[in-house]
Amino acid sequence: MQTTNFSQFNIPSILRRKTTSSRRLSPVLAVASPTITSPSRHQITYSMPPEKLEIFKSLEPWVSENVLPFLKPVEKCWQPIEFLPDPSQGPEQFEEEVRALRQRASGLSDEYFVMLVGNMLIEDALPTYQTMINTLDGVRDETGSSPCPWAIWTRAWTAEENRHGDLLRTYLYPSGRVDMCNDLKDGEKKETDKETAIQDIYY
């Protein structure tokens, strides 16, 4: 398979395949590592003047009537497995589907995978986005199951975007075109930098 020097794209070397190593992530690294909070950082919430908070509260019925109806019931939401090799079909069928996926992926350009990896990193940042929303008065999800319409929308939106990330990650891994180990490391660093940037802007 043809390889490309990705330095021209000014991105981390996440697509450089390792041909001499079969190293895999350990079970520990395969699980999200605990967040290490810098002693110099602390959670900040954003308080609104009462008149602004009243505006958001007054919009809740409108959100319930005009926004929440766009949400689908969970059982009707698409799932990543619908677009990926299905292991429940048995090992032989699953292996055949994976081989077909790899064959199709081999014909795609490196630029295409640069775009997919960049998109996946954005989807992986979802916890950062939801955490930021939950610092805002009037729209935050106080309990994780708040009936506030703003909170309901945030949870559903987060779940939808999470499926995007699951689909991209699960497609890229068996494609054989992306170094997922470097991807995880670079992605973690990018999200740390992104969180710092958000704090620098708003705090």
N, C-alpha and C. Protein backbone atom coordinates (compact mmCIF):
# COMPACT_ATOMS: atom_id res chain seq x y z
N MET A 1 0.85 -1.19 0.00
CA MET A 1 0.00 0.00 0.00
C MET A 1 0.88 1.24 0.00
N GLN A 2 0.57 2.21 -0.82
CA GLN A 2 1.39 3.39 -0.95
C GLN A 2 1.33 4.24 0.31
N THR A 3 2.47 4.76 0.73
CA THR A 3 2.52 5.62 1.90
C THR A 3 2.86 7.04 1.46
N THR A 4 2.52 7.98 2.31
CA THR A 4 2.71 9.38 1.98
C THR A 4 3.35 10.10 3.14
N ASN A 5 4.18 11.11 2.84
CA ASN A 5 4.76 11.95 3.88
C ASN A 5 3.70 12.96 4.30
N PHE A 6 3.22 12.84 5.54
CA PHE A 6 2.12 13.67 5.98
C PHE A 6 2.56 15.00 6.56
N SER A 7 3.87 15.28 6.56
CA SER A 7 4.33 16.55 7.09
C SER A 7 3.77 17.71 6.28
N GLN A 8 3.44 17.46 5.02
CA GLN A 8 2.91 18.54 4.17
C GLN A 8 1.54 19.00 4.63
N PHE A 9 0.83 18.15 5.41
CA PHE A 9 -0.50 18.52 5.86
C PHE A 9 -0.48 19.26 7.19
N ASN A 10 0.69 19.37 7.81
CA ASN A 10 0.83 20.08 9.07
C ASN A 10 -0.06 19.50 10.15
N ILE A 11 -0.11 18.16 10.23
CA ILE A 11 -0.88 17.48 11.26
C ILE A 11 0.01 16.45 11.90
N PRO A 12 -0.40 15.91 13.10
CA PRO A 12 0.41 14.87 13.74
C PRO A 12 0.54 13.66 12.83
N SER A 13 1.56 12.85 13.09
CA SER A 13 1.85 11.71 12.22
C SER A 13 0.96 10.53 12.54
N ILE A 14 -0.35 10.76 12.54
CA ILE A 14 -1.28 9.71 12.94
C ILE A 14 -1.52 8.70 11.85
N LEU A 15 -1.18 9.05 10.61
CA LEU A 15 -1.43 8.13 9.52
C LEU A 15 -0.20 7.35 9.10
N ARG A 16 0.91 7.55 9.81
CA ARG A 16 2.12 6.82 9.45
C ARG A 16 2.05 5.41 10.02
N ARG A 17 1.91 4.46 9.17
CA ARG A 17 1.72 3.08 9.62
C ARG A 17 3.04 2.51 10.08
N LYS A 18 2.99 1.67 11.12
CA LYS A 18 4.18 0.99 11.61
C LYS A 18 4.25 -0.37 10.97
N THR A 19 5.23 -0.58 10.13
CA THR A 19 5.33 -1.85 9.40
C THR A 19 6.22 -2.84 10.13
N THR A 20 6.96 -2.41 11.14
CA THR A 20 7.89 -3.30 11.82
C THR A 20 7.44 -3.65 13.23
N SER A 21 6.27 -3.17 13.61
CA SER A 21 5.83 -3.41 14.97
C SER A 21 4.37 -3.81 14.98
N SER A 22 4.03 -4.76 15.80
CA SER A 22 2.63 -5.17 15.95
C SER A 22 2.12 -4.77 17.32
N ARG A 23 2.77 -3.74 17.90
CA ARG A 23 2.40 -3.32 19.24
C ARG A 23 0.95 -2.89 19.31
N ARG A 24 0.27 -3.32 20.34
CA ARG A 24 -1.11 -2.94 20.55
C ARG A 24 -1.23 -2.25 21.89
N LEU A 25 -2.33 -1.53 22.05
CA LEU A 25 -2.57 -0.87 23.33
C LEU A 25 -2.83 -1.91 24.40
N SER A 26 -2.27 -1.67 25.57
CA SER A 26 -2.56 -2.55 26.69
C SER A 26 -4.00 -2.35 27.12
N PRO A 27 -4.60 -3.35 27.83
CA PRO A 27 -5.97 -3.19 28.29
C PRO A 27 -6.15 -1.93 29.12
N VAL A 28 -5.11 -1.54 29.85
CA VAL A 28 -5.23 -0.34 30.68
C VAL A 28 -5.33 0.90 29.81
N LEU A 29 -4.47 0.98 28.77
CA LEU A 29 -4.47 2.14 27.90
C LEU A 29 -5.69 2.18 27.01
N ALA A 30 -6.33 1.03 26.82
CA ALA A 30 -7.50 0.98 25.96
C ALA A 30 -8.71 1.62 26.63
N VAL A 31 -8.64 1.84 27.93
CA VAL A 31 -9.72 2.46 28.69
C VAL A 31 -9.35 3.91 28.93
N ALA A 32 -10.34 4.78 28.92
CA ALA A 32 -10.06 6.19 29.13
C ALA A 32 -9.33 6.39 30.45
N SER A 33 -8.19 7.06 30.39
CA SER A 33 -7.41 7.29 31.60
C SER A 33 -8.03 8.40 32.41
N PRO A 34 -7.83 8.39 33.73
CA PRO A 34 -8.42 9.42 34.58
C PRO A 34 -7.85 10.79 34.24
N THR A 35 -8.70 11.79 34.37
CA THR A 35 -8.27 13.15 34.09
C THR A 35 -7.44 13.68 35.23
N ILE A 36 -6.30 14.26 34.91
CA ILE A 36 -5.44 14.86 35.91
C ILE A 36 -5.67 16.36 35.89
N THR A 37 -6.17 16.88 36.98
CA THR A 37 -6.50 18.29 37.06
C THR A 37 -5.32 19.08 37.57
N SER A 38 -4.99 20.12 36.83
CA SER A 38 -3.88 20.97 37.24
C SER A 38 -4.25 21.73 38.51
N PRO A 39 -3.34 21.83 39.46
CA PRO A 39 -3.65 22.55 40.70
C PRO A 39 -4.03 24.00 40.45
N SER A 40 -3.58 24.56 39.32
CA SER A 40 -3.85 25.96 39.04
C SER A 40 -5.22 26.18 38.40
N ARG A 41 -5.94 25.07 38.10
CA ARG A 41 -7.24 25.18 37.45
C ARG A 41 -8.32 24.78 38.44
N HIS A 42 -9.48 25.37 38.27
CA HIS A 42 -10.63 24.97 39.08
C HIS A 42 -11.89 25.22 38.28
N GLN A 43 -12.94 24.48 38.61
CA GLN A 43 -14.19 24.59 37.88
C GLN A 43 -14.81 25.95 38.10
N ILE A 44 -15.19 26.59 37.03
CA ILE A 44 -15.82 27.89 37.11
C ILE A 44 -17.17 27.81 36.43
N THR A 45 -18.18 28.33 37.07
CA THR A 45 -19.49 28.43 36.45
C THR A 45 -19.75 29.89 36.12
N TYR A 46 -20.64 30.09 35.17
CA TYR A 46 -20.89 31.43 34.68
C TYR A 46 -22.29 31.86 35.12
N SER A 47 -22.31 32.82 35.99
CA SER A 47 -23.58 33.30 36.51
C SER A 47 -24.11 34.42 35.62
N MET A 48 -25.43 34.43 35.46
CA MET A 48 -26.08 35.47 34.67
C MET A 48 -26.82 36.42 35.60
N PRO A 49 -26.96 37.65 35.18
CA PRO A 49 -27.85 38.55 35.91
C PRO A 49 -29.26 37.97 35.89
N PRO A 50 -30.06 38.24 36.88
CA PRO A 50 -31.42 37.66 36.95
C PRO A 50 -32.24 37.90 35.69
N GLU A 51 -32.08 39.08 35.06
CA GLU A 51 -32.91 39.37 33.89
C GLU A 51 -32.53 38.48 32.71
N LYS A 52 -31.23 38.14 32.56
CA LYS A 52 -30.81 37.25 31.48
C LYS A 52 -31.23 35.81 31.76
N LEU A 53 -31.11 35.39 33.01
CA LEU A 53 -31.54 34.05 33.38
C LEU A 53 -33.03 33.88 33.14
N GLU A 54 -33.78 34.95 33.37
CA GLU A 54 -35.22 34.90 33.15
C GLU A 54 -35.54 34.67 31.67
N ILE A 55 -34.71 35.23 30.79
CA ILE A 55 -34.94 35.03 29.35
C ILE A 55 -34.81 33.55 28.99
N PHE A 56 -33.74 32.91 29.49
CA PHE A 56 -33.55 31.49 29.19
C PHE A 56 -34.68 30.65 29.78
N LYS A 57 -35.10 30.99 30.99
CA LYS A 57 -36.20 30.25 31.61
C LYS A 57 -37.49 30.43 30.81
N SER A 58 -37.71 31.66 30.32
CA SER A 58 -38.94 31.92 29.57
C SER A 58 -38.96 31.20 28.23
N LEU A 59 -37.77 30.83 27.70
CA LEU A 59 -37.69 30.14 26.42
C LEU A 59 -37.91 28.63 26.54
N GLU A 60 -37.93 28.11 27.76
CA GLU A 60 -38.04 26.67 27.94
C GLU A 60 -39.30 26.08 27.30
N PRO A 61 -40.48 26.70 27.45
CA PRO A 61 -41.66 26.13 26.76
C PRO A 61 -41.49 26.12 25.25
N TRP A 62 -40.86 27.17 24.69
CA TRP A 62 -40.64 27.20 23.24
C TRP A 62 -39.71 26.08 22.81
N VAL A 63 -38.65 25.85 23.59
CA VAL A 63 -37.72 24.76 23.28
C VAL A 63 -38.44 23.42 23.32
N SER A 64 -39.28 23.24 24.33
CA SER A 64 -40.02 21.99 24.47
C SER A 64 -40.94 21.74 23.27
N GLU A 65 -41.56 22.81 22.77
CA GLU A 65 -42.54 22.66 21.70
C GLU A 65 -41.91 22.65 20.31
N ASN A 66 -40.79 23.34 20.13
CA ASN A 66 -40.25 23.55 18.79
C ASN A 66 -38.90 22.90 18.52
N VAL A 67 -38.20 22.50 19.57
CA VAL A 67 -36.87 21.91 19.39
C VAL A 67 -36.87 20.43 19.77
N LEU A 68 -37.36 20.11 20.94
CA LEU A 68 -37.32 18.72 21.40
C LEU A 68 -38.07 17.75 20.49
N PRO A 69 -39.14 18.17 19.78
CA PRO A 69 -39.79 17.21 18.87
C PRO A 69 -38.88 16.68 17.78
N PHE A 70 -37.76 17.37 17.51
CA PHE A 70 -36.84 16.87 16.50
C PHE A 70 -36.03 15.67 17.00
N LEU A 71 -36.02 15.44 18.31
CA LEU A 71 -35.27 14.32 18.86
C LEU A 71 -36.02 13.02 18.60
N LYS A 72 -35.27 12.00 18.21
CA LYS A 72 -35.87 10.68 17.98
C LYS A 72 -35.81 9.86 19.26
N PRO A 73 -36.76 8.96 19.45
CA PRO A 73 -36.64 8.01 20.56
C PRO A 73 -35.38 7.17 20.39
N VAL A 74 -34.80 6.76 21.50
CA VAL A 74 -33.54 6.01 21.45
C VAL A 74 -33.64 4.80 20.54
N GLU A 75 -34.75 4.09 20.61
CA GLU A 75 -34.89 2.85 19.83
C GLU A 75 -34.95 3.11 18.33
N LYS A 76 -35.19 4.36 17.92
CA LYS A 76 -35.23 4.69 16.50
C LYS A 76 -33.96 5.37 16.01
N CYS A 77 -33.01 5.58 16.89
CA CYS A 77 -31.76 6.23 16.50
C CYS A 77 -30.85 5.22 15.79
N TRP A 78 -30.14 5.70 14.79
CA TRP A 78 -29.20 4.84 14.08
C TRP A 78 -28.06 4.46 15.02
N GLN A 79 -27.43 3.33 14.76
CA GLN A 79 -26.30 2.88 15.55
C GLN A 79 -25.12 2.57 14.64
N PRO A 80 -23.89 2.79 15.12
CA PRO A 80 -22.70 2.57 14.29
C PRO A 80 -22.63 1.19 13.65
N ILE A 81 -23.10 0.15 14.35
CA ILE A 81 -22.97 -1.21 13.85
C ILE A 81 -23.74 -1.39 12.55
N GLU A 82 -24.70 -0.51 12.27
CA GLU A 82 -25.47 -0.62 11.03
C GLU A 82 -24.60 -0.34 9.80
N PHE A 83 -23.46 0.30 9.99
CA PHE A 83 -22.60 0.68 8.87
C PHE A 83 -21.25 -0.03 8.91
N LEU A 84 -21.09 -0.99 9.82
CA LEU A 84 -19.80 -1.62 10.04
C LEU A 84 -19.93 -3.14 9.97
N PRO A 85 -18.81 -3.85 9.82
CA PRO A 85 -18.85 -5.32 9.91
C PRO A 85 -19.49 -5.75 11.22
N ASP A 86 -20.39 -6.69 11.13
CA ASP A 86 -21.19 -7.11 12.28
C ASP A 86 -20.68 -8.44 12.82
N PRO A 87 -20.04 -8.44 14.00
CA PRO A 87 -19.50 -9.69 14.55
C PRO A 87 -20.58 -10.70 14.94
N SER A 88 -21.81 -10.24 15.09
CA SER A 88 -22.88 -11.17 15.48
C SER A 88 -23.26 -12.10 14.34
N GLN A 89 -22.77 -11.84 13.13
CA GLN A 89 -23.07 -12.69 11.98
C GLN A 89 -22.22 -13.96 11.94
N GLY A 90 -21.32 -14.09 12.91
CA GLY A 90 -20.43 -15.24 12.92
C GLY A 90 -19.05 -14.88 12.45
N PRO A 91 -18.02 -15.63 12.88
CA PRO A 91 -16.63 -15.26 12.57
C PRO A 91 -16.31 -15.22 11.08
N GLU A 92 -16.82 -16.17 10.31
CA GLU A 92 -16.49 -16.19 8.89
C GLU A 92 -17.07 -15.00 8.15
N GLN A 93 -18.34 -14.70 8.42
CA GLN A 93 -18.99 -13.56 7.77
C GLN A 93 -18.34 -12.25 8.22
N PHE A 94 -18.00 -12.18 9.51
CA PHE A 94 -17.37 -10.97 10.05
C PHE A 94 -16.01 -10.73 9.37
N GLU A 95 -15.20 -11.78 9.27
CA GLU A 95 -13.89 -11.65 8.64
C GLU A 95 -14.02 -11.25 7.17
N GLU A 96 -15.02 -11.79 6.51
CA GLU A 96 -15.23 -11.43 5.10
C GLU A 96 -15.60 -9.95 4.98
N GLU A 97 -16.45 -9.47 5.89
CA GLU A 97 -16.84 -8.06 5.85
C GLU A 97 -15.66 -7.14 6.17
N VAL A 98 -14.79 -7.57 7.09
CA VAL A 98 -13.61 -6.77 7.42
C VAL A 98 -12.67 -6.71 6.22
N ARG A 99 -12.47 -7.86 5.56
CA ARG A 99 -11.61 -7.87 4.37
C ARG A 99 -12.17 -6.96 3.28
N ALA A 100 -13.50 -6.96 3.12
CA ALA A 100 -14.12 -6.10 2.12
C ALA A 100 -13.93 -4.63 2.49
N LEU A 101 -14.05 -4.33 3.79
CA LEU A 101 -13.84 -2.95 4.24
C LEU A 101 -12.42 -2.50 3.95
N ARG A 102 -11.46 -3.36 4.26
CA ARG A 102 -10.04 -3.02 4.03
C ARG A 102 -9.76 -2.84 2.54
N GLN A 103 -10.39 -3.66 1.72
CA GLN A 103 -10.18 -3.56 0.28
C GLN A 103 -10.70 -2.22 -0.24
N ARG A 104 -11.88 -1.82 0.23
CA ARG A 104 -12.43 -0.53 -0.20
C ARG A 104 -11.56 0.62 0.32
N ALA A 105 -11.11 0.50 1.58
CA ALA A 105 -10.30 1.57 2.18
C ALA A 105 -8.97 1.73 1.48
N SER A 106 -8.43 0.65 0.93
CA SER A 106 -7.11 0.72 0.28
C SER A 106 -7.13 1.62 -0.95
N GLY A 107 -8.31 1.84 -1.52
CA GLY A 107 -8.39 2.66 -2.71
C GLY A 107 -8.64 4.13 -2.44
N LEU A 108 -8.79 4.49 -1.16
CA LEU A 108 -9.06 5.89 -0.81
C LEU A 108 -7.75 6.65 -0.64
N SER A 109 -7.78 7.93 -0.93
CA SER A 109 -6.58 8.76 -0.84
C SER A 109 -6.23 9.04 0.62
N ASP A 110 -4.94 9.36 0.86
CA ASP A 110 -4.51 9.72 2.20
C ASP A 110 -5.23 10.97 2.70
N GLU A 111 -5.51 11.90 1.78
CA GLU A 111 -6.21 13.13 2.18
C GLU A 111 -7.59 12.82 2.77
N TYR A 112 -8.22 11.78 2.24
CA TYR A 112 -9.52 11.38 2.75
C TYR A 112 -9.41 10.95 4.21
N PHE A 113 -8.36 10.21 4.53
CA PHE A 113 -8.19 9.74 5.91
C PHE A 113 -7.76 10.87 6.83
N VAL A 114 -7.03 11.84 6.30
CA VAL A 114 -6.72 13.02 7.11
C VAL A 114 -8.01 13.68 7.57
N MET A 115 -8.96 13.80 6.66
CA MET A 115 -10.24 14.41 6.99
C MET A 115 -11.00 13.57 8.02
N LEU A 116 -11.02 12.25 7.83
CA LEU A 116 -11.74 11.38 8.77
C LEU A 116 -11.14 11.43 10.16
N VAL A 117 -9.81 11.42 10.24
CA VAL A 117 -9.16 11.47 11.55
C VAL A 117 -9.44 12.80 12.23
N GLY A 118 -9.37 13.89 11.47
CA GLY A 118 -9.68 15.20 12.06
C GLY A 118 -11.09 15.25 12.58
N ASN A 119 -12.03 14.67 11.84
CA ASN A 119 -13.42 14.63 12.28
C ASN A 119 -13.56 13.79 13.54
N MET A 120 -12.85 12.66 13.59
CA MET A 120 -12.94 11.79 14.76
C MET A 120 -12.43 12.52 16.01
N LEU A 121 -11.35 13.28 15.87
CA LEU A 121 -10.81 14.00 17.02
C LEU A 121 -11.80 15.04 17.53
N ILE A 122 -12.54 15.66 16.61
CA ILE A 122 -13.57 16.62 17.02
C ILE A 122 -14.66 15.91 17.81
N GLU A 123 -15.10 14.74 17.32
CA GLU A 123 -16.13 14.00 18.03
C GLU A 123 -15.64 13.54 19.40
N ASP A 124 -14.35 13.17 19.48
CA ASP A 124 -13.80 12.74 20.76
C ASP A 124 -13.76 13.86 21.79
N ALA A 125 -13.90 15.10 21.34
CA ALA A 125 -13.85 16.25 22.26
C ALA A 125 -15.19 16.50 22.94
N LEU A 126 -16.19 15.68 22.65
CA LEU A 126 -17.53 15.93 23.17
C LEU A 126 -17.61 16.13 24.68
N PRO A 127 -16.88 15.34 25.48
CA PRO A 127 -16.95 15.60 26.92
C PRO A 127 -16.55 17.03 27.27
N THR A 128 -15.59 17.59 26.53
CA THR A 128 -15.18 18.97 26.76
C THR A 128 -16.32 19.93 26.46
N TYR A 129 -17.03 19.69 25.35
CA TYR A 129 -18.12 20.57 24.98
C TYR A 129 -19.25 20.52 26.00
N GLN A 130 -19.62 19.30 26.40
CA GLN A 130 -20.72 19.18 27.35
C GLN A 130 -20.33 19.76 28.71
N THR A 131 -19.08 19.56 29.11
CA THR A 131 -18.63 20.14 30.36
C THR A 131 -18.73 21.66 30.31
N MET A 132 -18.38 22.24 29.18
CA MET A 132 -18.47 23.69 29.03
C MET A 132 -19.91 24.16 29.13
N ILE A 133 -20.83 23.46 28.46
CA ILE A 133 -22.25 23.83 28.52
C ILE A 133 -22.76 23.77 29.95
N ASN A 134 -22.27 22.78 30.70
CA ASN A 134 -22.73 22.60 32.07
C ASN A 134 -22.14 23.60 33.05
N THR A 135 -21.37 24.56 32.55
CA THR A 135 -20.92 25.65 33.41
C THR A 135 -21.82 26.88 33.27
N LEU A 136 -22.80 26.79 32.37
CA LEU A 136 -23.61 27.96 32.06
C LEU A 136 -24.94 27.95 32.81
N ASP A 137 -25.23 29.06 33.45
CA ASP A 137 -26.51 29.21 34.13
C ASP A 137 -27.66 29.07 33.14
N GLY A 138 -28.75 28.50 33.59
CA GLY A 138 -29.96 28.46 32.79
C GLY A 138 -30.06 27.29 31.84
N VAL A 139 -28.93 26.68 31.46
CA VAL A 139 -28.98 25.58 30.49
C VAL A 139 -28.25 24.34 30.99
N ARG A 140 -27.55 24.43 32.11
CA ARG A 140 -26.76 23.30 32.56
C ARG A 140 -27.63 22.14 33.03
N ASP A 141 -27.08 20.95 32.91
CA ASP A 141 -27.75 19.73 33.37
C ASP A 141 -27.27 19.47 34.79
N GLU A 142 -28.08 19.83 35.76
CA GLU A 142 -27.66 19.80 37.16
C GLU A 142 -27.43 18.38 37.68
N THR A 143 -28.17 17.41 37.18
CA THR A 143 -28.15 16.07 37.76
C THR A 143 -27.72 14.98 36.79
N GLY A 144 -27.63 15.29 35.51
CA GLY A 144 -27.39 14.25 34.51
C GLY A 144 -28.68 13.66 33.98
N SER A 145 -29.79 14.01 34.60
CA SER A 145 -31.10 13.56 34.13
C SER A 145 -32.14 14.66 34.34
N SER A 146 -31.70 15.89 34.27
CA SER A 146 -32.57 17.04 34.50
C SER A 146 -33.68 17.09 33.45
N PRO A 147 -34.92 17.42 33.87
CA PRO A 147 -36.02 17.55 32.91
C PRO A 147 -36.01 18.89 32.19
N CYS A 148 -35.06 19.75 32.52
CA CYS A 148 -34.94 21.04 31.83
C CYS A 148 -34.78 20.79 30.33
N PRO A 149 -35.56 21.44 29.46
CA PRO A 149 -35.47 21.17 28.03
C PRO A 149 -34.09 21.42 27.45
N TRP A 150 -33.37 22.42 27.97
CA TRP A 150 -32.02 22.65 27.50
C TRP A 150 -31.13 21.44 27.80
N ALA A 151 -31.29 20.88 29.00
CA ALA A 151 -30.49 19.72 29.40
C ALA A 151 -30.86 18.49 28.58
N ILE A 152 -32.14 18.31 28.32
CA ILE A 152 -32.59 17.18 27.49
C ILE A 152 -31.95 17.25 26.11
N TRP A 153 -31.94 18.45 25.53
CA TRP A 153 -31.35 18.61 24.21
C TRP A 153 -29.85 18.33 24.25
N THR A 154 -29.17 18.83 25.28
CA THR A 154 -27.72 18.62 25.38
C THR A 154 -27.39 17.14 25.47
N ARG A 155 -28.14 16.39 26.27
CA ARG A 155 -27.88 14.95 26.41
C ARG A 155 -28.10 14.23 25.08
N ALA A 156 -29.19 14.56 24.39
CA ALA A 156 -29.48 13.89 23.11
C ALA A 156 -28.45 14.27 22.06
N TRP A 157 -28.05 15.53 22.02
CA TRP A 157 -27.05 15.97 21.06
C TRP A 157 -25.72 15.27 21.33
N THR A 158 -25.36 15.16 22.61
CA THR A 158 -24.11 14.50 22.96
C THR A 158 -24.14 13.03 22.53
N ALA A 159 -25.27 12.36 22.75
CA ALA A 159 -25.38 10.96 22.36
C ALA A 159 -25.24 10.80 20.85
N GLU A 160 -25.86 11.71 20.09
CA GLU A 160 -25.76 11.65 18.63
C GLU A 160 -24.32 11.84 18.17
N GLU A 161 -23.65 12.84 18.71
CA GLU A 161 -22.27 13.09 18.32
C GLU A 161 -21.35 11.94 18.76
N ASN A 162 -21.67 11.33 19.89
CA ASN A 162 -20.88 10.19 20.36
C ASN A 162 -20.96 9.02 19.38
N ARG A 163 -22.13 8.84 18.78
CA ARG A 163 -22.27 7.78 17.77
C ARG A 163 -21.42 8.08 16.55
N HIS A 164 -21.32 9.36 16.19
CA HIS A 164 -20.44 9.73 15.08
C HIS A 164 -19.01 9.29 15.38
N GLY A 165 -18.55 9.59 16.60
CA GLY A 165 -17.19 9.22 16.98
C GLY A 165 -16.99 7.72 16.99
N ASP A 166 -17.97 6.98 17.52
CA ASP A 166 -17.88 5.52 17.56
C ASP A 166 -17.77 4.95 16.15
N LEU A 167 -18.58 5.49 15.24
CA LEU A 167 -18.56 5.00 13.87
C LEU A 167 -17.21 5.27 13.21
N LEU A 168 -16.71 6.48 13.34
CA LEU A 168 -15.43 6.83 12.71
C LEU A 168 -14.29 6.00 13.28
N ARG A 169 -14.23 5.89 14.60
CA ARG A 169 -13.13 5.15 15.24
C ARG A 169 -13.20 3.67 14.85
N THR A 170 -14.39 3.09 14.87
CA THR A 170 -14.51 1.67 14.58
C THR A 170 -14.30 1.37 13.11
N TYR A 171 -14.52 2.35 12.24
CA TYR A 171 -14.21 2.18 10.83
C TYR A 171 -12.71 2.30 10.59
N LEU A 172 -12.09 3.31 11.19
CA LEU A 172 -10.67 3.57 10.94
C LEU A 172 -9.79 2.45 11.45
N TYR A 173 -10.14 1.85 12.58
CA TYR A 173 -9.28 0.82 13.17
C TYR A 173 -9.08 -0.38 12.24
N PRO A 174 -10.14 -1.03 11.75
CA PRO A 174 -9.91 -2.19 10.88
C PRO A 174 -9.48 -1.81 9.47
N SER A 175 -9.58 -0.53 9.10
CA SER A 175 -9.19 -0.15 7.75
C SER A 175 -7.70 -0.37 7.52
N GLY A 176 -6.90 -0.36 8.58
CA GLY A 176 -5.47 -0.55 8.46
C GLY A 176 -4.73 0.64 7.90
N ARG A 177 -5.40 1.78 7.76
CA ARG A 177 -4.78 2.95 7.16
C ARG A 177 -4.35 3.99 8.18
N VAL A 178 -4.66 3.76 9.46
CA VAL A 178 -4.39 4.77 10.48
C VAL A 178 -3.66 4.14 11.65
N ASP A 179 -2.66 4.84 12.16
CA ASP A 179 -1.93 4.40 13.35
C ASP A 179 -2.74 4.87 14.56
N MET A 180 -3.60 3.99 15.06
CA MET A 180 -4.51 4.38 16.14
C MET A 180 -3.79 4.68 17.45
N CYS A 181 -2.63 4.10 17.66
CA CYS A 181 -1.88 4.37 18.89
C CYS A 181 -1.45 5.83 18.92
N ASN A 182 -0.84 6.31 17.83
CA ASN A 182 -0.46 7.71 17.77
C ASN A 182 -1.67 8.62 17.76
N ASP A 183 -2.75 8.15 17.15
CA ASP A 183 -3.98 8.93 17.10
C ASP A 183 -4.47 9.22 18.51
N LEU A 184 -4.49 8.18 19.37
CA LEU A 184 -4.96 8.37 20.74
C LEU A 184 -4.08 9.36 21.49
N LYS A 185 -2.77 9.24 21.33
CA LYS A 185 -1.87 10.14 22.03
C LYS A 185 -2.03 11.58 21.54
N ASP A 186 -2.06 11.75 20.21
CA ASP A 186 -2.19 13.09 19.66
C ASP A 186 -3.55 13.70 20.01
N GLY A 187 -4.59 12.84 19.99
CA GLY A 187 -5.92 13.33 20.31
C GLY A 187 -6.01 13.81 21.75
N GLU A 188 -5.40 13.06 22.67
CA GLU A 188 -5.43 13.46 24.07
C GLU A 188 -4.72 14.80 24.27
N LYS A 189 -3.58 14.97 23.58
CA LYS A 189 -2.86 16.24 23.70
C LYS A 189 -3.67 17.38 23.11
N LYS A 190 -4.34 17.14 21.97
CA LYS A 190 -5.13 18.19 21.35
C LYS A 190 -6.27 18.62 22.26
N GLU A 191 -6.91 17.64 22.92
CA GLU A 191 -8.04 17.99 23.79
C GLU A 191 -7.55 18.74 25.02
N THR A 192 -6.38 18.39 25.53
CA THR A 192 -5.81 19.13 26.65
C THR A 192 -5.53 20.57 26.25
N ASP A 193 -4.94 20.75 25.06
CA ASP A 193 -4.66 22.09 24.56
C ASP A 193 -5.95 22.86 24.32
N LYS A 194 -6.98 22.14 23.81
CA LYS A 194 -8.25 22.81 23.51
C LYS A 194 -8.92 23.28 24.79
N GLU A 195 -8.90 22.43 25.83
CA GLU A 195 -9.49 22.82 27.10
C GLU A 195 -8.77 24.02 27.68
N THR A 196 -7.45 24.05 27.57
CA THR A 196 -6.67 25.19 28.06
C THR A 196 -7.06 26.45 27.31
N ALA A 197 -7.24 26.33 25.99
CA ALA A 197 -7.62 27.48 25.18
C ALA A 197 -8.99 28.02 25.59
N ILE A 198 -9.94 27.09 25.85
CA ILE A 198 -11.27 27.50 26.28
C ILE A 198 -11.20 28.25 27.60
N GLN A 199 -10.40 27.71 28.53
CA GLN A 199 -10.25 28.37 29.82
C GLN A 199 -9.62 29.74 29.68
N ASP A 200 -8.64 29.85 28.80
CA ASP A 200 -7.97 31.14 28.61
C ASP A 200 -8.92 32.18 28.03
N ILE A 201 -9.88 31.72 27.21
CA ILE A 201 -10.81 32.66 26.59
C ILE A 201 -11.88 33.10 27.57
N TYR A 202 -12.43 32.14 28.33
CA TYR A 202 -13.62 32.44 29.13
C TYR A 202 -13.33 32.71 30.59
N TYR A 203 -12.22 32.21 31.11
CA TYR A 203 -11.99 32.33 32.55
C TYR A 203 -11.33 33.66 32.89
